[in-house]
Amino acid sequence: MQETTYKKTPRLKFMLILAAATSVILVFTLTPWNVVPTLVTEDVAVIAVTDYGCVGESVLGHSVVVADCDAGVGDIISATFYVPAMEQNGYYDRIEDKLAMVNP
């Protein structure tokens, strides 16, 4: 009788290749660098003065609280705050342009 030997498949190598391929696909489809907060410094218009400081409206539409502020309503002050990177790099605009091409 002839003995048959079976080789095991290289499961570990296959799993590593599959994990690497999945991670590359996820990086290029989810674009995590668009979600990471970015530190922005810009001039904001003061819309209110509270006990905590001045509340300003940024160009991007965010309300920003600046502590230890002695400005009045309507003054322009400098503020530093975090926003998602996709608002800075035009990611939303490109998506809206693509959707406009699809929807007549």
C-alpha atoms as a PDB file:
ATOM      1  CA  MET A   1       0.000   0.000   0.000  1.00  0.00           C
ATOM      2  CA  GLN A   2       1.074   3.466  -0.731  1.00  0.00           C
ATOM      3  CA  GLU A   3       1.021   6.067   2.035  1.00  0.00           C
ATOM      4  CA  THR A   4      -0.376   9.466   1.243  1.00  0.00           C
ATOM      5  CA  THR A   5       1.027  12.453   3.036  1.00  0.00           C
ATOM      6  CA  TYR A   6      -0.919  15.656   3.337  1.00  0.00           C
ATOM      7  CA  LYS A   7       0.697  19.043   3.673  1.00  0.00           C
ATOM      8  CA  LYS A   8      -0.902  21.630   5.849  1.00  0.00           C
ATOM      9  CA  THR A   9      -1.781  24.862   4.156  1.00  0.00           C
ATOM     10  CA  PRO A  10       0.237  27.840   5.386  1.00  0.00           C
ATOM     11  CA  ARG A  11      -2.619  29.379   7.356  1.00  0.00           C
ATOM     12  CA  LEU A  12      -0.513  31.930   9.188  1.00  0.00           C
ATOM     13  CA  LYS A  13       0.932  33.341   5.970  1.00  0.00           C
ATOM     14  CA  PHE A  14      -2.504  33.458   4.382  1.00  0.00           C
ATOM     15  CA  MET A  15      -3.990  35.255   7.392  1.00  0.00           C
ATOM     16  CA  LEU A  16      -1.146  37.830   7.411  1.00  0.00           C
ATOM     17  CA  ILE A  17      -1.573  38.528   3.696  1.00  0.00           C
ATOM     18  CA  LEU A  18      -5.340  38.839   4.141  1.00  0.00           C
ATOM     19  CA  ALA A  19      -4.917  41.206   7.098  1.00  0.00           C
ATOM     20  CA  ALA A  20      -2.447  43.381   5.174  1.00  0.00           C
ATOM     21  CA  ALA A  21      -4.738  43.565   2.145  1.00  0.00           C
ATOM     22  CA  THR A  22      -7.731  44.425   4.312  1.00  0.00           C
ATOM     23  CA  SER A  23      -5.857  47.181   6.114  1.00  0.00           C
ATOM     24  CA  VAL A  24      -4.684  48.724   2.828  1.00  0.00           C
ATOM     25  CA  ILE A  25      -8.226  48.668   1.459  1.00  0.00           C
ATOM     26  CA  LEU A  26      -9.608  50.246   4.638  1.00  0.00           C
ATOM     27  CA  VAL A  27      -6.997  53.015   4.635  1.00  0.00           C
ATOM     28  CA  PHE A  28      -7.839  54.004   1.086  1.00  0.00           C
ATOM     29  CA  THR A  29     -11.632  53.757   1.468  1.00  0.00           C
ATOM     30  CA  LEU A  30     -12.206  55.232   4.926  1.00  0.00           C
ATOM     31  CA  THR A  31      -9.524  57.934   4.699  1.00  0.00           C
ATOM     32  CA  PRO A  32      -8.918  58.330   8.432  1.00  0.00           C
ATOM     33  CA  TRP A  33      -6.797  61.425   7.876  1.00  0.00           C
ATOM     34  CA  ASN A  34     -10.007  63.314   7.034  1.00  0.00           C
ATOM     35  CA  VAL A  35     -11.465  62.645  10.482  1.00  0.00           C
ATOM     36  CA  VAL A  36      -8.431  63.497  12.603  1.00  0.00           C
ATOM     37  CA  PRO A  37      -8.837  66.936  14.249  1.00  0.00           C
ATOM     38  CA  THR A  38      -6.647  69.754  13.001  1.00  0.00           C
ATOM     39  CA  LEU A  39      -5.602  72.742  15.093  1.00  0.00           C
ATOM     40  CA  VAL A  40      -6.749  75.964  13.411  1.00  0.00           C
ATOM     41  CA  THR A  41      -6.023  79.571  14.368  1.00  0.00           C
ATOM     42  CA  GLU A  42      -8.202  82.213  12.748  1.00  0.00           C
ATOM     43  CA  ASP A  43      -9.843  85.549  13.425  1.00  0.00           C
ATOM     44  CA  VAL A  44     -13.366  85.177  14.773  1.00  0.00           C
ATOM     45  CA  ALA A  45     -16.115  87.716  15.302  1.00  0.00           C
ATOM     46  CA  VAL A  46     -17.331  87.968  18.902  1.00  0.00           C
ATOM     47  CA  ILE A  47     -21.063  87.281  19.087  1.00  0.00           C
ATOM     48  CA  ALA A  48     -21.474  87.150  22.882  1.00  0.00           C
ATOM     49  CA  VAL A  49     -19.585  87.839  26.093  1.00  0.00           C
ATOM     50  CA  THR A  50     -20.185  85.421  28.990  1.00  0.00           C
ATOM     51  CA  ASP A  51     -18.706  84.693  32.410  1.00  0.00           C
ATOM     52  CA  TYR A  52     -16.494  82.035  30.808  1.00  0.00           C
ATOM     53  CA  GLY A  53     -15.107  84.306  28.087  1.00  0.00           C
ATOM     54  CA  CYS A  54     -16.043  85.484  24.622  1.00  0.00           C
ATOM     55  CA  VAL A  55     -18.045  83.372  22.202  1.00  0.00           C
ATOM     56  CA  GLY A  56     -16.960  83.850  18.609  1.00  0.00           C
ATOM     57  CA  GLU A  57     -18.227  82.664  15.236  1.00  0.00           C
ATOM     58  CA  SER A  58     -15.554  81.242  12.916  1.00  0.00           C
ATOM     59  CA  VAL A  59     -15.538  81.409   9.134  1.00  0.00           C
ATOM     60  CA  LEU A  60     -16.261  77.663   9.082  1.00  0.00           C
ATOM     61  CA  GLY A  61     -19.410  78.207  11.165  1.00  0.00           C
ATOM     62  CA  HIS A  62     -18.095  76.882  14.477  1.00  0.00           C
ATOM     63  CA  SER A  63     -18.804  78.593  17.773  1.00  0.00           C
ATOM     64  CA  VAL A  64     -15.557  79.115  19.648  1.00  0.00           C
ATOM     65  CA  VAL A  65     -15.176  80.091  23.312  1.00  0.00           C
ATOM     66  CA  VAL A  66     -12.093  82.171  24.085  1.00  0.00           C
ATOM     67  CA  ALA A  67     -11.270  82.313  27.798  1.00  0.00           C
ATOM     68  CA  ASP A  68      -9.937  85.487  29.434  1.00  0.00           C
ATOM     69  CA  CYS A  69     -11.291  87.729  26.724  1.00  0.00           C
ATOM     70  CA  ASP A  70     -12.001  91.438  27.237  1.00  0.00           C
ATOM     71  CA  ALA A  71     -13.403  92.159  23.767  1.00  0.00           C
ATOM     72  CA  GLY A  72     -16.917  93.371  23.098  1.00  0.00           C
ATOM     73  CA  VAL A  73     -19.648  92.092  20.808  1.00  0.00           C
ATOM     74  CA  GLY A  74     -18.690  92.671  17.176  1.00  0.00           C
ATOM     75  CA  ASP A  75     -14.932  92.801  17.794  1.00  0.00           C
ATOM     76  CA  ILE A  76     -12.569  90.541  15.865  1.00  0.00           C
ATOM     77  CA  ILE A  77     -10.230  88.379  17.967  1.00  0.00           C
ATOM     78  CA  SER A  78      -7.820  85.529  17.252  1.00  0.00           C
ATOM     79  CA  ALA A  79      -8.892  82.048  18.394  1.00  0.00           C
ATOM     80  CA  THR A  80      -7.301  78.600  18.231  1.00  0.00           C
ATOM     81  CA  PHE A  81      -9.554  75.543  18.044  1.00  0.00           C
ATOM     82  CA  TYR A  82      -9.796  72.035  16.596  1.00  0.00           C
ATOM     83  CA  VAL A  83     -11.855  71.116  13.514  1.00  0.00           C
ATOM     84  CA  PRO A  84     -12.033  67.883  11.499  1.00  0.00           C
ATOM     85  CA  ALA A  85      -9.474  67.851   8.702  1.00  0.00           C
ATOM     86  CA  MET A  86     -12.170  67.184   6.102  1.00  0.00           C
ATOM     87  CA  GLU A  87     -13.504  70.708   6.627  1.00  0.00           C
ATOM     88  CA  GLN A  88     -10.074  72.146   5.865  1.00  0.00           C
ATOM     89  CA  ASN A  89      -9.115  70.130   2.804  1.00  0.00           C
ATOM     90  CA  GLY A  90     -12.395  70.427   0.879  1.00  0.00           C
ATOM     91  CA  TYR A  91     -13.393  66.777   1.329  1.00  0.00           C
ATOM     92  CA  TYR A  92     -17.071  67.671   1.769  1.00  0.00           C
ATOM     93  CA  ASP A  93     -17.020  69.854  -1.347  1.00  0.00           C
ATOM     94  CA  ARG A  94     -15.640  67.041  -3.494  1.00  0.00           C
ATOM     95  CA  ILE A  95     -18.293  64.629  -2.202  1.00  0.00           C
ATOM     96  CA  GLU A  96     -21.065  67.134  -2.933  1.00  0.00           C
ATOM     97  CA  ASP A  97     -19.695  67.644  -6.451  1.00  0.00           C
ATOM     98  CA  LYS A  98     -19.714  63.883  -7.068  1.00  0.00           C
ATOM     99  CA  LEU A  99     -23.275  63.583  -5.744  1.00  0.00           C
ATOM    100  CA  ALA A 100     -24.397  66.440  -8.004  1.00  0.00           C
ATOM    101  CA  MET A 101     -23.051  64.552 -11.030  1.00  0.00           C
ATOM    102  CA  VAL A 102     -24.969  61.400 -10.041  1.00  0.00           C
ATOM    103  CA  ASN A 103     -28.277  63.068  -9.154  1.00  0.00           C
ATOM    104  CA  PRO A 104     -29.703  65.073 -12.065  1.00  0.00           C
END
